[in-house]
Amino acid sequence: MTIDIAHFKTKLEEEERFLEEELKKVGRRNPDNLSDWEAVPTDKDSSQADENTIADNVENYEDNVAIVDTLETRYQEIKNALDKINQNIFGLCQSCNKEIDAERLEANPSAKTCREHM
C-alpha cells in the first residue's frame, strides 16, 4: 500500500497553521530561539492592581504556560512529520522501519510508530 504523501502534507500544514494561531493567543516566539515558544502574561501593568488582580494574573499566566507547553509539543510533532516528508521517510515506523498504515496516519499524521510499536 502506498501512502498519499500530498494528502498528509496538506493535513500537517493545516494543523501547523492552526497551532501557530493558537500559540499566538497565549504566547510568543522566544526571540533567542525562534523554534521555541514562551507564554506571555495576560496583563503587563499590574502597578495599580490590587492583590486579587495580581493573583488572577499569575494564575492566568500559569494557565498560559501549560497551554503553550501542550500546544508546543504537538507543534513540534507536526514540524518533525513535515521534516520526514522532506527527507522521504514519512510514514515509516521509527522502531521497525515498516510502513505505518494509512488509517493510523489519518487519525494522527505525525504518528512515529506503527500499531505494533505504539
N, C-alpha and C. Protein backbone atom coordinates (compact mmCIF):
# COMPACT_ATOMS: atom_id res chain seq x y z
N MET A 1 0.84 -1.17 0.00
CA MET A 1 0.00 0.00 0.00
C MET A 1 0.90 1.25 0.00
N THR A 2 0.54 2.22 -0.81
CA THR A 2 1.31 3.45 -0.88
C THR A 2 0.58 4.56 -0.12
N ILE A 3 1.32 5.34 0.62
CA ILE A 3 0.76 6.45 1.39
C ILE A 3 0.65 7.67 0.48
N ASP A 4 -0.49 8.37 0.56
CA ASP A 4 -0.71 9.60 -0.20
C ASP A 4 0.00 10.75 0.52
N ILE A 5 1.26 10.95 0.19
CA ILE A 5 2.09 11.95 0.87
C ILE A 5 1.49 13.34 0.75
N ALA A 6 1.00 13.71 -0.43
CA ALA A 6 0.43 15.05 -0.64
C ALA A 6 -0.75 15.30 0.30
N HIS A 7 -1.58 14.29 0.47
CA HIS A 7 -2.73 14.41 1.38
C HIS A 7 -2.27 14.68 2.81
N PHE A 8 -1.31 13.91 3.27
CA PHE A 8 -0.85 14.07 4.65
C PHE A 8 -0.05 15.35 4.83
N LYS A 9 0.67 15.77 3.81
CA LYS A 9 1.39 17.04 3.89
C LYS A 9 0.40 18.19 4.05
N THR A 10 -0.69 18.15 3.31
CA THR A 10 -1.72 19.19 3.43
C THR A 10 -2.32 19.18 4.83
N LYS A 11 -2.65 17.99 5.34
CA LYS A 11 -3.21 17.90 6.70
C LYS A 11 -2.24 18.45 7.74
N LEU A 12 -0.98 18.10 7.61
CA LEU A 12 0.03 18.56 8.57
C LEU A 12 0.22 20.07 8.48
N GLU A 13 0.24 20.61 7.29
CA GLU A 13 0.41 22.07 7.13
C GLU A 13 -0.79 22.82 7.69
N GLU A 14 -1.98 22.29 7.51
CA GLU A 14 -3.17 22.92 8.08
C GLU A 14 -3.11 22.92 9.60
N GLU A 15 -2.72 21.79 10.17
CA GLU A 15 -2.61 21.72 11.63
C GLU A 15 -1.50 22.63 12.13
N GLU A 16 -0.40 22.71 11.39
CA GLU A 16 0.69 23.60 11.77
C GLU A 16 0.20 25.05 11.84
N ARG A 17 -0.53 25.49 10.83
CA ARG A 17 -1.06 26.87 10.83
C ARG A 17 -2.02 27.09 12.00
N PHE A 18 -2.89 26.12 12.24
CA PHE A 18 -3.84 26.21 13.34
C PHE A 18 -3.10 26.34 14.68
N LEU A 19 -2.10 25.49 14.89
CA LEU A 19 -1.35 25.52 16.14
C LEU A 19 -0.59 26.83 16.31
N GLU A 20 -0.04 27.36 15.24
CA GLU A 20 0.64 28.66 15.32
C GLU A 20 -0.32 29.75 15.76
N GLU A 21 -1.54 29.74 15.22
CA GLU A 21 -2.54 30.74 15.61
C GLU A 21 -2.92 30.58 17.08
N GLU A 22 -3.09 29.35 17.52
CA GLU A 22 -3.43 29.10 18.92
C GLU A 22 -2.27 29.52 19.84
N LEU A 23 -1.06 29.22 19.44
CA LEU A 23 0.11 29.60 20.24
C LEU A 23 0.22 31.12 20.35
N LYS A 24 -0.09 31.83 19.28
CA LYS A 24 -0.01 33.30 19.31
C LYS A 24 -1.01 33.91 20.29
N LYS A 25 -2.07 33.20 20.61
CA LYS A 25 -3.09 33.70 21.54
C LYS A 25 -2.58 33.71 22.98
N VAL A 26 -1.65 32.81 23.30
CA VAL A 26 -1.20 32.67 24.69
C VAL A 26 0.31 32.80 24.85
N GLY A 27 1.02 32.96 23.73
CA GLY A 27 2.46 33.01 23.81
C GLY A 27 3.07 33.80 22.68
N ARG A 28 4.38 33.73 22.63
CA ARG A 28 5.13 34.38 21.56
C ARG A 28 6.38 33.55 21.31
N ARG A 29 6.96 33.75 20.14
CA ARG A 29 8.22 33.05 19.85
C ARG A 29 9.31 33.63 20.74
N ASN A 30 10.13 32.78 21.26
CA ASN A 30 11.27 33.20 22.07
C ASN A 30 12.26 33.90 21.13
N PRO A 31 12.57 35.17 21.38
CA PRO A 31 13.48 35.89 20.48
C PRO A 31 14.89 35.30 20.44
N ASP A 32 15.27 34.56 21.46
CA ASP A 32 16.59 33.94 21.50
C ASP A 32 16.62 32.58 20.81
N ASN A 33 15.43 31.99 20.60
CA ASN A 33 15.33 30.68 19.95
C ASN A 33 13.98 30.64 19.24
N LEU A 34 13.95 30.96 17.97
CA LEU A 34 12.70 31.12 17.23
C LEU A 34 11.92 29.82 17.06
N SER A 35 12.52 28.69 17.37
CA SER A 35 11.77 27.44 17.30
C SER A 35 11.09 27.14 18.64
N ASP A 36 11.27 28.02 19.61
CA ASP A 36 10.71 27.84 20.95
C ASP A 36 9.62 28.88 21.18
N TRP A 37 8.59 28.50 21.90
CA TRP A 37 7.50 29.41 22.26
C TRP A 37 7.52 29.60 23.77
N GLU A 38 7.11 30.77 24.21
CA GLU A 38 7.02 31.03 25.65
C GLU A 38 5.70 31.74 25.94
N ALA A 39 5.15 31.45 27.09
CA ALA A 39 3.88 32.06 27.49
C ALA A 39 4.08 33.54 27.74
N VAL A 40 3.01 34.30 27.56
CA VAL A 40 3.05 35.73 27.85
C VAL A 40 2.07 36.02 28.98
N PRO A 41 2.41 36.99 29.81
CA PRO A 41 1.48 37.37 30.87
C PRO A 41 0.24 38.01 30.25
N THR A 42 -0.89 37.88 30.94
CA THR A 42 -2.14 38.42 30.41
C THR A 42 -2.23 39.93 30.62
N ASP A 43 -1.67 40.46 31.71
CA ASP A 43 -1.74 41.89 31.99
C ASP A 43 -0.37 42.37 32.40
N LYS A 44 0.23 43.21 31.58
CA LYS A 44 1.60 43.62 31.85
C LYS A 44 1.70 44.73 32.91
N ASP A 45 0.65 45.55 33.05
CA ASP A 45 0.71 46.65 34.00
C ASP A 45 -0.07 46.29 35.25
N SER A 46 0.63 45.80 36.24
CA SER A 46 -0.04 45.46 37.50
C SER A 46 0.35 46.42 38.61
N SER A 47 0.92 47.55 38.24
CA SER A 47 1.37 48.51 39.24
C SER A 47 0.21 49.10 40.04
N GLN A 48 -0.94 49.26 39.43
CA GLN A 48 -2.10 49.82 40.12
C GLN A 48 -3.10 48.74 40.54
N ALA A 49 -2.77 47.50 40.32
CA ALA A 49 -3.71 46.41 40.58
C ALA A 49 -3.72 46.01 42.05
N ASP A 50 -4.87 45.52 42.49
CA ASP A 50 -4.95 45.02 43.86
C ASP A 50 -4.43 43.58 43.91
N GLU A 51 -4.36 43.03 45.11
CA GLU A 51 -3.79 41.69 45.29
C GLU A 51 -4.57 40.63 44.53
N ASN A 52 -5.90 40.74 44.50
CA ASN A 52 -6.71 39.75 43.79
C ASN A 52 -6.43 39.78 42.29
N THR A 53 -6.29 40.97 41.73
CA THR A 53 -5.99 41.10 40.31
C THR A 53 -4.63 40.52 39.99
N ILE A 54 -3.67 40.80 40.84
CA ILE A 54 -2.32 40.25 40.64
C ILE A 54 -2.36 38.73 40.72
N ALA A 55 -3.09 38.20 41.69
CA ALA A 55 -3.21 36.74 41.84
C ALA A 55 -3.87 36.13 40.60
N ASP A 56 -4.91 36.80 40.09
CA ASP A 56 -5.57 36.32 38.87
C ASP A 56 -4.60 36.34 37.69
N ASN A 57 -3.79 37.39 37.60
CA ASN A 57 -2.82 37.49 36.50
C ASN A 57 -1.79 36.37 36.58
N VAL A 58 -1.33 36.06 37.77
CA VAL A 58 -0.36 34.98 37.95
C VAL A 58 -1.00 33.65 37.56
N GLU A 59 -2.24 33.44 37.99
CA GLU A 59 -2.94 32.20 37.66
C GLU A 59 -3.15 32.09 36.14
N ASN A 60 -3.53 33.19 35.50
CA ASN A 60 -3.72 33.18 34.04
C ASN A 60 -2.40 32.90 33.32
N TYR A 61 -1.33 33.46 33.82
CA TYR A 61 -0.02 33.21 33.22
C TYR A 61 0.36 31.73 33.35
N GLU A 62 0.13 31.16 34.53
CA GLU A 62 0.42 29.75 34.74
C GLU A 62 -0.42 28.87 33.80
N ASP A 63 -1.68 29.27 33.59
CA ASP A 63 -2.52 28.56 32.63
C ASP A 63 -1.92 28.66 31.24
N ASN A 64 -1.46 29.85 30.86
CA ASN A 64 -0.85 30.05 29.55
C ASN A 64 0.40 29.19 29.38
N VAL A 65 1.18 29.06 30.43
CA VAL A 65 2.39 28.22 30.37
C VAL A 65 1.98 26.78 30.05
N ALA A 66 0.97 26.27 30.73
CA ALA A 66 0.51 24.90 30.50
C ALA A 66 -0.03 24.73 29.08
N ILE A 67 -0.78 25.72 28.61
CA ILE A 67 -1.33 25.65 27.25
C ILE A 67 -0.21 25.69 26.23
N VAL A 68 0.75 26.60 26.41
CA VAL A 68 1.87 26.69 25.48
C VAL A 68 2.65 25.38 25.46
N ASP A 69 2.89 24.79 26.62
CA ASP A 69 3.63 23.52 26.68
C ASP A 69 2.93 22.43 25.87
N THR A 70 1.61 22.33 26.03
CA THR A 70 0.84 21.31 25.31
C THR A 70 0.84 21.58 23.81
N LEU A 71 0.53 22.82 23.43
CA LEU A 71 0.49 23.17 22.01
C LEU A 71 1.86 23.04 21.35
N GLU A 72 2.89 23.47 22.07
CA GLU A 72 4.23 23.42 21.50
C GLU A 72 4.70 21.98 21.27
N THR A 73 4.33 21.09 22.16
CA THR A 73 4.67 19.67 21.97
C THR A 73 4.03 19.15 20.68
N ARG A 74 2.76 19.44 20.50
CA ARG A 74 2.08 19.00 19.28
C ARG A 74 2.67 19.69 18.05
N TYR A 75 2.97 20.97 18.18
CA TYR A 75 3.56 21.74 17.08
C TYR A 75 4.88 21.11 16.63
N GLN A 76 5.71 20.71 17.58
CA GLN A 76 6.99 20.09 17.24
C GLN A 76 6.79 18.72 16.58
N GLU A 77 5.77 17.98 17.01
CA GLU A 77 5.46 16.70 16.37
C GLU A 77 5.08 16.92 14.91
N ILE A 78 4.30 17.96 14.64
CA ILE A 78 3.89 18.29 13.27
C ILE A 78 5.11 18.70 12.45
N LYS A 79 5.96 19.56 13.01
CA LYS A 79 7.17 20.00 12.31
C LYS A 79 8.07 18.80 11.98
N ASN A 80 8.19 17.87 12.92
CA ASN A 80 9.01 16.68 12.69
C ASN A 80 8.43 15.82 11.57
N ALA A 81 7.11 15.68 11.54
CA ALA A 81 6.48 14.90 10.47
C ALA A 81 6.70 15.58 9.12
N LEU A 82 6.60 16.90 9.07
CA LEU A 82 6.86 17.62 7.81
C LEU A 82 8.32 17.45 7.39
N ASP A 83 9.23 17.46 8.35
CA ASP A 83 10.65 17.21 8.04
C ASP A 83 10.83 15.81 7.44
N LYS A 84 10.10 14.83 7.99
CA LYS A 84 10.19 13.47 7.47
C LYS A 84 9.70 13.40 6.02
N ILE A 85 8.67 14.20 5.69
CA ILE A 85 8.20 14.25 4.30
C ILE A 85 9.33 14.77 3.42
N ASN A 86 9.99 15.83 3.87
CA ASN A 86 11.09 16.40 3.09
C ASN A 86 12.27 15.44 2.94
N GLN A 87 12.44 14.56 3.90
CA GLN A 87 13.53 13.58 3.87
C GLN A 87 13.12 12.26 3.22
N ASN A 88 11.88 12.21 2.73
CA ASN A 88 11.32 10.99 2.11
C ASN A 88 11.28 9.79 3.05
N ILE A 89 11.06 10.04 4.33
CA ILE A 89 10.94 8.93 5.29
C ILE A 89 9.62 9.01 6.06
N PHE A 90 8.69 9.80 5.56
CA PHE A 90 7.39 9.94 6.23
C PHE A 90 6.63 8.62 6.17
N GLY A 91 5.96 8.29 7.28
CA GLY A 91 5.10 7.12 7.32
C GLY A 91 5.81 5.83 7.64
N LEU A 92 7.07 5.93 8.05
CA LEU A 92 7.81 4.73 8.43
C LEU A 92 7.94 4.68 9.95
N CYS A 93 7.73 3.52 10.51
CA CYS A 93 7.84 3.32 11.95
C CYS A 93 9.28 3.55 12.39
N GLN A 94 9.45 4.34 13.43
CA GLN A 94 10.82 4.60 13.90
C GLN A 94 11.41 3.41 14.65
N SER A 95 10.57 2.43 14.99
CA SER A 95 11.08 1.24 15.68
C SER A 95 11.47 0.12 14.73
N CYS A 96 10.61 -0.16 13.74
CA CYS A 96 10.87 -1.31 12.87
C CYS A 96 11.06 -0.93 11.40
N ASN A 97 10.86 0.35 11.09
CA ASN A 97 11.04 0.89 9.74
C ASN A 97 10.01 0.36 8.72
N LYS A 98 8.94 -0.26 9.23
CA LYS A 98 7.85 -0.69 8.34
C LYS A 98 6.90 0.48 8.15
N GLU A 99 6.12 0.41 7.08
CA GLU A 99 5.17 1.47 6.78
C GLU A 99 4.05 1.51 7.82
N ILE A 100 3.74 2.72 8.29
CA ILE A 100 2.61 2.93 9.20
C ILE A 100 1.35 2.93 8.34
N ASP A 101 0.31 2.20 8.78
CA ASP A 101 -0.87 2.10 7.93
C ASP A 101 -1.59 3.45 7.82
N ALA A 102 -2.23 3.64 6.68
CA ALA A 102 -2.88 4.92 6.35
C ALA A 102 -3.96 5.29 7.36
N GLU A 103 -4.67 4.30 7.89
CA GLU A 103 -5.72 4.58 8.88
C GLU A 103 -5.12 5.24 10.13
N ARG A 104 -4.00 4.73 10.57
CA ARG A 104 -3.33 5.32 11.75
C ARG A 104 -2.85 6.74 11.42
N LEU A 105 -2.28 6.91 10.24
CA LEU A 105 -1.81 8.25 9.84
C LEU A 105 -2.97 9.22 9.65
N GLU A 106 -4.09 8.72 9.21
CA GLU A 106 -5.27 9.59 9.05
C GLU A 106 -5.70 10.11 10.41
N ALA A 107 -5.65 9.26 11.43
CA ALA A 107 -6.01 9.67 12.80
C ALA A 107 -4.96 10.58 13.41
N ASN A 108 -3.70 10.30 13.08
CA ASN A 108 -2.59 11.11 13.62
C ASN A 108 -1.47 11.15 12.59
N PRO A 109 -1.49 12.17 11.71
CA PRO A 109 -0.48 12.23 10.66
C PRO A 109 0.96 12.34 11.15
N SER A 110 1.14 12.67 12.41
CA SER A 110 2.51 12.77 12.94
C SER A 110 2.92 11.52 13.71
N ALA A 111 2.16 10.44 13.54
CA ALA A 111 2.49 9.18 14.23
C ALA A 111 3.92 8.76 13.90
N LYS A 112 4.63 8.33 14.92
CA LYS A 112 6.04 7.93 14.75
C LYS A 112 6.21 6.43 14.63
N THR A 113 5.19 5.68 15.06
CA THR A 113 5.33 4.23 15.09
C THR A 113 4.10 3.56 14.50
N CYS A 114 4.28 2.33 14.08
CA CYS A 114 3.16 1.51 13.61
C CYS A 114 2.35 1.06 14.84
N ARG A 115 1.22 0.43 14.57
CA ARG A 115 0.35 -0.02 15.68
C ARG A 115 1.08 -0.98 16.62
N GLU A 116 1.91 -1.83 16.05
CA GLU A 116 2.64 -2.82 16.84
C GLU A 116 3.56 -2.16 17.87
N HIS A 117 4.10 -1.00 17.54
CA HIS A 117 5.07 -0.34 18.43
C HIS A 117 4.52 0.91 19.13
N MET A 118 3.20 1.01 19.17
CA MET A 118 2.57 2.15 19.86
C MET A 118 2.90 2.16 21.33
